[in-house]
Amino acid sequence: MEKLLEKKIEMIEVKIAAEIKQAKKSGIKNKNHAMKCLVRKKSLEKQLQITCKKSYRLIYLLSILFR
């Protein structure tokens, strides 16, 4: 389960980097598209935060379970 969450975290981080790159690429020419990229980035950051909390919670519960 931990490995799954770690992979999901890595995947979300890659997507965030891609959205930032895409926003910078289209920022001057197409501001509307750049704004949409930034909105998607913000959404991905929220997903990342939730996933990190799940991961920390799982580690905490496992540490309590195996004391």
Protein backbone atom coordinates (compact mmCIF):
# COMPACT_ATOMS: atom_id res chain seq x y z
CA MET A 1 0.00 0.00 0.00
CA GLU A 2 2.86 2.36 0.81
CA LYS A 3 4.48 1.73 -2.55
CA LEU A 4 1.22 2.50 -4.32
CA LEU A 5 0.91 5.83 -2.54
CA GLU A 6 4.56 6.65 -3.27
CA LYS A 7 4.03 5.93 -6.97
CA LYS A 8 0.90 8.09 -6.96
CA ILE A 9 2.82 10.93 -5.31
CA GLU A 10 5.58 10.69 -7.91
CA MET A 11 3.04 10.60 -10.74
CA ILE A 12 1.26 13.70 -9.43
CA GLU A 13 4.59 15.55 -9.07
CA VAL A 14 5.43 14.73 -12.70
CA LYS A 15 2.01 16.01 -13.80
CA ILE A 16 2.50 19.23 -11.84
CA ALA A 17 5.86 19.81 -13.50
CA ALA A 18 4.30 19.16 -16.91
CA GLU A 19 1.50 21.66 -16.24
CA ILE A 20 4.01 24.32 -15.17
CA LYS A 21 6.06 23.68 -18.31
CA GLN A 22 2.97 23.87 -20.51
CA ALA A 23 1.81 27.09 -18.82
CA LYS A 24 5.19 28.73 -19.37
CA LYS A 25 5.24 27.55 -22.98
CA SER A 26 1.84 29.02 -23.82
CA GLY A 27 1.93 31.93 -21.38
CA ILE A 28 2.76 34.70 -23.80
CA LYS A 29 0.80 33.53 -26.83
CA ASN A 30 -2.28 31.97 -25.24
CA LYS A 31 -3.04 33.30 -21.77
CA ASN A 32 -6.35 31.45 -21.49
CA HIS A 33 -4.63 28.10 -21.98
CA ALA A 34 -1.90 29.07 -19.52
CA MET A 35 -4.53 29.92 -16.90
CA LYS A 36 -6.21 26.55 -17.42
CA CYS A 37 -2.85 24.85 -16.92
CA LEU A 38 -2.36 26.74 -13.67
CA VAL A 39 -5.84 25.76 -12.47
CA ARG A 40 -5.07 22.11 -13.21
CA LYS A 41 -1.75 22.51 -11.37
CA LYS A 42 -3.57 23.86 -8.32
CA SER A 43 -5.96 20.90 -8.43
CA LEU A 44 -3.04 18.48 -8.68
CA GLU A 45 -1.37 20.16 -5.71
CA LYS A 46 -4.51 19.53 -3.65
CA GLN A 47 -4.51 15.88 -4.74
CA LEU A 48 -0.84 15.67 -3.78
CA GLN A 49 -1.54 17.09 -0.35
CA ILE A 50 -4.36 14.60 0.25
CA THR A 51 -2.24 11.68 -0.94
CA CYS A 52 0.66 12.72 1.29
CA LYS A 53 -1.67 12.89 4.27
CA LYS A 54 -2.94 9.39 3.46
CA SER A 55 0.62 8.13 3.23
CA TYR A 56 1.64 9.68 6.57
CA ARG A 57 -1.51 8.34 8.20
CA LEU A 58 -0.79 4.83 6.89
CA ILE A 59 2.79 4.96 8.16
CA TYR A 60 1.56 6.20 11.54
CA LEU A 61 -1.03 3.44 11.82
CA LEU A 62 1.48 0.78 10.78
CA SER A 63 3.95 2.02 13.37
CA ILE A 64 1.27 1.79 16.06
CA LEU A 65 0.22 -1.66 14.88
CA PHE A 66 3.73 -3.13 14.93
CA ARG A 67 4.96 -1.74 18.24
